[in-house]
Amino acid sequence: MGLFTKKKTTEEVTTPIQEELYLVTKAVDTTSLPKEVLNTDFELLSKAEEKSNYRSNIAKSIRNPQISRAVSSLQLKNPFKGV
């Protein structure tokens, strides 16, 4: 349990932080994890990265090449797109 210190005028008061109220990350020894878990996690991350990099062609139905190029250049990557 961590401690939080508040400075008062002449004395320091330490109050314990209730860790169960917060999302607390702890260090994990990666050598203790099984190889199967590491490989499946890596595969899932690779698939998610491929999905996030995919950009659909919004100009595929436009027949005029100049307009198609203009529309493609305006296509932005959405950083909020779900994976």
Protein backbone atom coordinates (compact mmCIF):
# COMPACT_ATOMS: atom_id res chain seq x y z
CA MET A 1 0.00 0.00 0.00
CA GLY A 2 1.45 3.38 -0.99
CA LEU A 3 1.58 6.46 1.14
CA PHE A 4 0.47 9.94 0.23
CA THR A 5 2.08 12.83 2.02
CA LYS A 6 0.49 16.22 2.53
CA LYS A 7 2.52 19.04 3.92
CA LYS A 8 0.88 20.94 6.68
CA THR A 9 2.30 24.06 8.23
CA THR A 10 4.68 22.39 10.66
CA GLU A 11 4.06 18.65 10.41
CA GLU A 12 3.70 16.03 7.68
CA VAL A 13 0.62 13.86 7.67
CA THR A 14 0.79 10.51 5.85
CA THR A 15 -2.44 8.86 4.81
CA PRO A 16 -2.50 5.44 3.14
CA ILE A 17 -3.87 5.18 -0.40
CA GLN A 18 -6.56 2.56 -0.93
CA GLU A 19 -5.17 0.70 -3.96
CA GLU A 20 -8.36 -1.31 -4.49
CA LEU A 21 -10.10 1.89 -5.64
CA TYR A 22 -7.64 2.45 -8.50
CA LEU A 23 -6.27 0.52 -11.44
CA VAL A 24 -2.79 -0.37 -10.25
CA THR A 25 -0.29 -2.10 -12.51
CA LYS A 26 2.31 -4.35 -11.03
CA ALA A 27 5.58 -5.53 -12.55
CA VAL A 28 5.45 -9.00 -14.12
CA ASP A 29 8.44 -11.23 -14.70
CA THR A 30 8.08 -12.15 -18.39
CA THR A 31 10.34 -15.17 -18.04
CA SER A 32 7.74 -16.81 -15.79
CA LEU A 33 5.03 -16.58 -18.49
CA PRO A 34 4.52 -19.67 -20.67
CA LYS A 35 5.65 -19.40 -24.30
CA GLU A 36 2.13 -20.24 -25.53
CA VAL A 37 0.72 -17.16 -23.80
CA LEU A 38 3.44 -14.93 -25.23
CA ASN A 39 2.90 -16.29 -28.75
CA THR A 40 -0.88 -15.92 -28.66
CA ASP A 41 -0.60 -12.39 -27.29
CA PHE A 42 1.86 -11.51 -30.05
CA GLU A 43 -0.45 -12.96 -32.72
CA LEU A 44 -3.43 -11.01 -31.36
CA LEU A 45 -1.42 -7.78 -31.29
CA SER A 46 -0.22 -8.38 -34.86
CA LYS A 47 -3.79 -8.92 -36.08
CA ALA A 48 -5.00 -5.79 -34.27
CA GLU A 49 -2.19 -3.75 -35.80
CA GLU A 50 -3.05 -5.00 -39.30
CA LYS A 51 -6.70 -4.07 -38.77
CA SER A 52 -5.82 -0.60 -37.51
CA ASN A 53 -3.59 0.07 -40.53
CA TYR A 54 -6.27 -1.00 -43.03
CA ARG A 55 -7.75 1.88 -45.00
CA SER A 56 -10.70 1.24 -47.28
CA ASN A 57 -10.62 2.75 -50.74
CA ILE A 58 -13.38 5.39 -50.66
CA ALA A 59 -12.72 6.40 -54.26
CA LYS A 60 -13.22 2.96 -55.84
CA SER A 61 -16.64 3.76 -57.34
CA ILE A 62 -15.56 7.08 -58.90
CA ARG A 63 -14.76 6.69 -62.59
CA ASN A 64 -13.14 10.07 -63.23
CA PRO A 65 -9.40 9.63 -62.40
CA GLN A 66 -8.88 13.26 -61.36
CA ILE A 67 -11.78 13.22 -58.93
CA SER A 68 -10.71 9.80 -57.70
CA ARG A 69 -7.21 11.10 -56.91
CA ALA A 70 -8.64 14.17 -55.17
CA VAL A 71 -10.97 12.09 -53.01
CA SER A 72 -8.17 9.66 -52.13
CA SER A 73 -5.89 12.49 -51.09
CA LEU A 74 -8.58 13.82 -48.74
CA GLN A 75 -8.98 10.46 -47.06
CA LEU A 76 -7.80 10.72 -43.46
CA LYS A 77 -6.88 7.96 -41.09
CA ASN A 78 -9.24 7.88 -38.12
CA PRO A 79 -7.22 7.58 -34.90
CA PHE A 80 -10.39 6.70 -32.96
CA LYS A 81 -11.30 3.71 -35.14
CA GLY A 82 -11.86 0.60 -33.06
CA VAL A 83 -9.71 -2.43 -33.58
